Structures are given as C-alpha cells and as structure tokens.
Amino acid sequence: MSRRAKLLITALFIVLLTVPVVYGCLFWSIEQPLRFRCITVLPEDTGKLLISLPHEPVVPFIFEVQNTRPYPVYFQDMSILAYYPESPLPDGYLSMDYVTRSVRDKSLWAAPSLYGQYIPAHGVTRFEVLMRPKTVSEFETGKIKLVSFWASVPRRLAYDARNWVHPRLRKTLRFARLPYVSSSQQGPATLEGLPVVIPRPVMSSPPSPPPP
C-alpha cells in the first residue's frame, strides 16, 4: 500500500472518529426541550370517569408531551408537585399522589414507567396520569408545578454504554472504575391546559313532553 493511500485512510478514520465526538459535545446538554399539556375534559361529576386499578378507583388524565427541538430527545420522567400550605419544604410544594402509564397500554393492572420514551424531532407522545379522587380537587386548583427529566441522544447512549460495559469490566478487572454518567437533565416545566370541568346543564324550565 502506498504512502498516499495510508494517509488517506488515516485521514478518513480521523474524520469518522471526530464526527460523533463533535456531535456528542454539541448536544450533550440541552435546555428544557419538552412542552406539557393536559388535554382532559372532565364532567362536573368526576365519578363518571372512575376506573378501577387492582385496589382502588382512580380518575384518568391525558397528558401530551411535545419535543420542541429539531432533534430527538428522550423523555425520562416527570414529577407533579402541588402547593400545600402545611408543607415542611421552603417552597411549599410536595409530590402528588398518582401513577402514570402509557395510553397505548389498556391494561388496568399495569402502570409502566415513562422512563426513556423516545420522542423524535418536534414529535408528540401521550400518557395517562391516574389520580385518586381525593387528589383531583388539589390538581384543579392550578397550584401545580412540574419537574421534568430528559436526556439527549448522546447522553442516553453514553449512559447505556457505561451500564453495559461496567459490570463486564469489573468481572475482568476487579477494581476497574468508569466515570459516572448522569442519566438525565432535569428542570421546571410549564403545564398548559389544566383540566376543563364541564358543569351540568341548567334548565330554566322542565323539558316539554314529547309529541304524541
């Protein structure tokens, strides 16, 4: 092989190695990419929407998450916090009592984690938040705060790679250690479109009897 061919192969190898490194550095951390909306319409009598999990009834809320970035991200998880005057925390917010599940999962016996949902560029995904009836009124007050967790594609790939390599490396080299990789970023998020409550229709006079 000629010297010129070796130089071309070396240059090509360096370029191929540099591209993913540069991509990872540029997109490792990203600002809040997710937008949350609650698209549920509730009747005034929320009991009409009660469904049953194995041990108790719950009220389902549909949430929509949009990726506002022109590149894919992973939606890791979220926490819904509500304001309680008696809260011991400085800001007065505590985590609400609820479970989440994918809207594609129709089983009432399963509530899978939202961990690691892939959302393409400008994509949208939906999931259900199942709340106990006693917490629904707290959710409707509007004193709600979200904390969302997300990961860029390079971060997620690095995290998964570390978790795959680390146990195998320790079997070979007992004291081997790999640098820690955070699984996600987190930050406050705005919740748009709190549940709309539709009141019962009020009639000013009794309905007319049907014609004979």
Protein backbone atom coordinates (compact mmCIF):
# COMPACT_ATOMS: atom_id res chain seq x y z
CA MET A 1 0.00 0.00 0.00
CA SER A 2 1.38 3.37 -1.00
CA ARG A 3 2.14 6.11 1.50
CA ARG A 4 -0.56 8.30 -0.05
CA ALA A 5 -3.21 5.60 0.41
CA LYS A 6 -2.21 5.16 4.05
CA LEU A 7 -2.53 8.89 4.65
CA LEU A 8 -5.99 8.96 3.03
CA ILE A 9 -7.19 6.03 5.16
CA THR A 10 -5.80 7.66 8.31
CA ALA A 11 -7.47 10.98 7.48
CA LEU A 12 -10.78 9.23 6.78
CA PHE A 13 -10.55 7.37 10.09
CA ILE A 14 -9.88 10.62 11.99
CA VAL A 15 -12.87 12.31 10.31
CA LEU A 16 -15.18 9.38 11.10
CA LEU A 17 -14.00 9.43 14.72
CA THR A 18 -14.32 13.21 15.04
CA VAL A 19 -17.92 13.49 13.79
CA PRO A 20 -19.57 11.55 16.68
CA VAL A 21 -17.30 13.23 19.22
CA VAL A 22 -18.26 16.70 17.99
CA TYR A 23 -21.94 15.72 17.84
CA GLY A 24 -21.80 14.42 21.41
CA CYS A 25 -20.13 17.57 22.69
CA LEU A 26 -22.60 19.89 20.96
CA PHE A 27 -25.76 18.04 22.00
CA TRP A 28 -24.75 16.51 25.35
CA SER A 29 -26.78 19.04 27.35
CA ILE A 30 -29.85 20.83 26.05
CA GLU A 31 -32.20 23.35 27.59
CA GLN A 32 -35.73 22.28 28.54
CA PRO A 33 -36.96 20.72 25.26
CA LEU A 34 -40.37 19.48 26.42
CA ARG A 35 -43.77 21.15 26.50
CA PHE A 36 -46.55 19.61 28.60
CA ARG A 37 -50.30 19.92 28.09
CA CYS A 38 -53.21 18.37 29.94
CA ILE A 39 -55.93 17.70 27.37
CA THR A 40 -58.55 16.17 29.67
CA VAL A 41 -62.16 17.37 29.77
CA LEU A 42 -63.92 16.32 32.96
CA PRO A 43 -67.64 16.31 33.75
CA GLU A 44 -68.63 18.05 36.95
CA ASP A 45 -69.30 14.64 38.40
CA THR A 46 -65.83 13.14 38.11
CA GLY A 47 -67.22 9.88 39.42
CA LYS A 48 -68.37 9.17 35.87
CA LEU A 49 -64.73 8.81 34.84
CA LEU A 50 -63.65 6.49 37.62
CA ILE A 51 -61.84 3.37 36.52
CA SER A 52 -60.51 0.68 38.80
CA LEU A 53 -56.95 -0.35 39.43
CA PRO A 54 -56.40 -3.55 41.41
CA HIS A 55 -57.08 -1.91 44.78
CA GLU A 56 -58.91 1.38 44.28
CA PRO A 57 -60.72 3.68 41.80
CA VAL A 58 -58.81 6.43 40.02
CA VAL A 59 -59.56 9.34 37.67
CA PRO A 60 -57.56 9.32 34.39
CA PHE A 61 -55.96 12.45 32.95
CA ILE A 62 -54.42 12.55 29.48
CA PHE A 63 -51.09 14.37 29.19
CA GLU A 64 -49.39 15.37 25.96
CA VAL A 65 -45.63 15.94 25.71
CA GLN A 66 -44.15 17.74 22.72
CA ASN A 67 -40.48 17.85 21.80
CA THR A 68 -39.89 21.46 20.76
CA ARG A 69 -36.41 20.80 19.36
CA PRO A 70 -35.42 19.92 15.75
CA TYR A 71 -33.65 16.78 17.00
CA PRO A 72 -34.81 13.77 19.02
CA VAL A 73 -34.74 13.57 22.82
CA TYR A 74 -35.62 11.01 25.48
CA PHE A 75 -38.42 11.86 27.89
CA GLN A 76 -37.20 10.18 31.07
CA ASP A 77 -39.87 11.00 33.65
CA MET A 78 -41.70 13.81 35.41
CA SER A 79 -42.91 14.76 38.87
CA ILE A 80 -46.17 16.58 39.56
CA LEU A 81 -45.97 18.82 42.61
CA ALA A 82 -48.86 20.60 44.32
CA TYR A 83 -48.76 23.52 46.75
CA TYR A 84 -49.68 22.68 50.34
CA PRO A 85 -49.62 25.44 53.00
CA GLU A 86 -48.63 22.86 55.64
CA SER A 87 -45.70 21.58 53.59
CA PRO A 88 -42.39 21.45 55.51
CA LEU A 89 -40.46 22.37 52.37
CA PRO A 90 -39.42 26.01 51.82
CA ASP A 91 -41.38 26.45 48.59
CA GLY A 92 -44.48 24.67 49.94
CA TYR A 93 -44.63 22.04 47.18
CA LEU A 94 -44.98 18.30 47.70
CA SER A 95 -45.27 15.45 45.21
CA MET A 96 -48.84 14.50 44.40
CA ASP A 97 -50.20 11.00 44.79
CA TYR A 98 -50.59 9.45 41.32
CA VAL A 99 -49.38 6.78 38.92
CA THR A 100 -48.59 7.06 35.19
CA ARG A 101 -48.97 4.72 32.28
CA SER A 102 -48.72 4.78 28.51
CA VAL A 103 -52.01 5.46 26.71
CA ARG A 104 -51.24 2.50 24.46
CA ASP A 105 -51.40 0.18 27.46
CA LYS A 106 -55.06 -0.55 28.07
CA SER A 107 -54.43 -2.96 30.92
CA LEU A 108 -55.79 -1.63 34.20
CA TRP A 109 -53.43 -3.94 36.05
CA ALA A 110 -50.25 -2.37 34.72
CA ALA A 111 -48.79 1.09 35.21
CA PRO A 112 -45.43 1.02 33.38
CA SER A 113 -42.85 3.71 33.99
CA LEU A 114 -42.45 6.53 31.48
CA TYR A 115 -38.70 6.05 31.68
CA GLY A 116 -36.87 6.56 28.42
CA GLN A 117 -39.62 7.38 25.90
CA TYR A 118 -38.01 8.37 22.60
CA ILE A 119 -39.59 11.48 21.05
CA PRO A 120 -38.46 12.40 17.52
CA ALA A 121 -37.80 15.96 16.37
CA HIS A 122 -40.95 18.05 17.01
CA GLY A 123 -42.72 14.81 17.91
CA VAL A 124 -45.55 14.30 20.40
CA THR A 125 -46.33 11.47 22.79
CA ARG A 126 -49.19 10.96 25.23
CA PHE A 127 -49.60 9.21 28.54
CA GLU A 128 -52.12 8.87 31.33
CA VAL A 129 -51.88 10.19 34.85
CA LEU A 130 -54.13 8.20 37.19
CA MET A 131 -55.15 10.10 40.31
CA ARG A 132 -57.13 9.11 43.33
CA PRO A 133 -60.42 11.01 43.60
CA LYS A 134 -59.32 12.86 46.75
CA THR A 135 -56.37 14.44 44.89
CA VAL A 136 -58.35 15.61 41.84
CA SER A 137 -59.57 18.77 43.59
CA GLU A 138 -55.98 19.61 44.51
CA PHE A 139 -54.99 19.21 40.88
CA GLU A 140 -57.74 21.56 39.72
CA THR A 141 -56.65 24.44 41.94
CA GLY A 142 -53.97 25.47 39.46
CA LYS A 143 -51.25 25.40 42.13
CA ILE A 144 -49.34 22.82 40.17
CA LYS A 145 -45.64 22.64 39.36
CA LEU A 146 -43.92 20.13 37.08
CA VAL A 147 -40.35 18.90 37.23
CA SER A 148 -39.39 17.04 34.07
CA PHE A 149 -36.43 14.79 33.32
CA TRP A 150 -35.00 14.41 29.82
CA ALA A 151 -31.85 13.20 28.07
CA SER A 152 -30.19 14.00 24.77
CA VAL A 153 -29.38 11.11 22.44
CA PRO A 154 -25.59 11.28 23.13
CA ARG A 155 -26.18 11.30 26.91
CA ARG A 156 -28.55 8.34 26.70
CA LEU A 157 -26.17 6.36 24.50
CA ALA A 158 -23.25 7.08 26.84
CA TYR A 159 -25.32 6.13 29.89
CA ASP A 160 -26.47 2.84 28.35
CA ALA A 161 -22.95 2.04 27.13
CA ARG A 162 -21.47 2.63 30.58
CA ASN A 163 -24.08 0.41 32.23
CA TRP A 164 -23.35 -2.34 29.71
CA VAL A 165 -19.55 -2.15 29.95
CA HIS A 166 -19.14 -1.57 33.69
CA PRO A 167 -20.29 -4.96 35.08
CA ARG A 168 -18.39 -6.84 32.38
CA LEU A 169 -15.25 -4.82 33.02
CA ARG A 170 -15.42 -5.45 36.76
CA LYS A 171 -15.53 -9.20 36.18
CA THR A 172 -12.20 -8.94 34.37
CA LEU A 173 -10.58 -6.11 36.34
CA ARG A 174 -11.98 -6.26 39.86
CA PHE A 175 -11.14 -2.67 40.81
CA ALA A 176 -11.90 -1.08 37.44
CA ARG A 177 -13.96 2.10 37.60
CA LEU A 178 -15.64 4.07 34.85
CA PRO A 179 -16.56 7.76 35.06
CA TYR A 180 -20.10 8.45 36.24
CA VAL A 181 -22.60 9.43 33.55
CA SER A 182 -25.79 11.20 34.60
CA SER A 183 -28.86 9.56 33.06
CA SER A 184 -30.77 12.80 32.52
CA GLN A 185 -31.14 16.52 32.99
CA GLN A 186 -33.97 18.00 34.99
CA GLY A 187 -35.72 21.31 35.35
CA PRO A 188 -39.08 23.02 35.92
CA ALA A 189 -41.67 22.75 33.17
CA THR A 190 -44.89 24.62 32.48
CA LEU A 191 -48.15 22.69 32.41
CA GLU A 192 -50.56 24.12 29.85
CA GLY A 193 -54.28 23.42 29.75
CA LEU A 194 -55.32 22.34 33.22
CA PRO A 195 -58.36 20.03 33.14
CA VAL A 196 -61.54 21.68 31.91
CA VAL A 197 -64.58 20.92 34.06
CA ILE A 198 -67.87 20.91 32.17
CA PRO A 199 -70.79 21.74 34.53
CA ARG A 200 -74.14 20.03 34.34
CA PRO A 201 -76.59 21.87 32.05
CA VAL A 202 -79.03 24.07 33.96
CA MET A 203 -82.60 24.14 32.67
CA SER A 204 -84.76 27.22 33.28
CA SER A 205 -87.93 25.16 32.80
CA PRO A 206 -88.77 21.49 32.61
CA PRO A 207 -88.42 19.96 29.16
CA SER A 208 -91.56 19.81 27.05
CA PRO A 209 -93.19 16.40 26.78
CA PRO A 210 -92.65 14.60 23.50
CA PRO A 211 -95.44 14.93 20.93
CA PRO A 212 -97.99 12.13 20.92
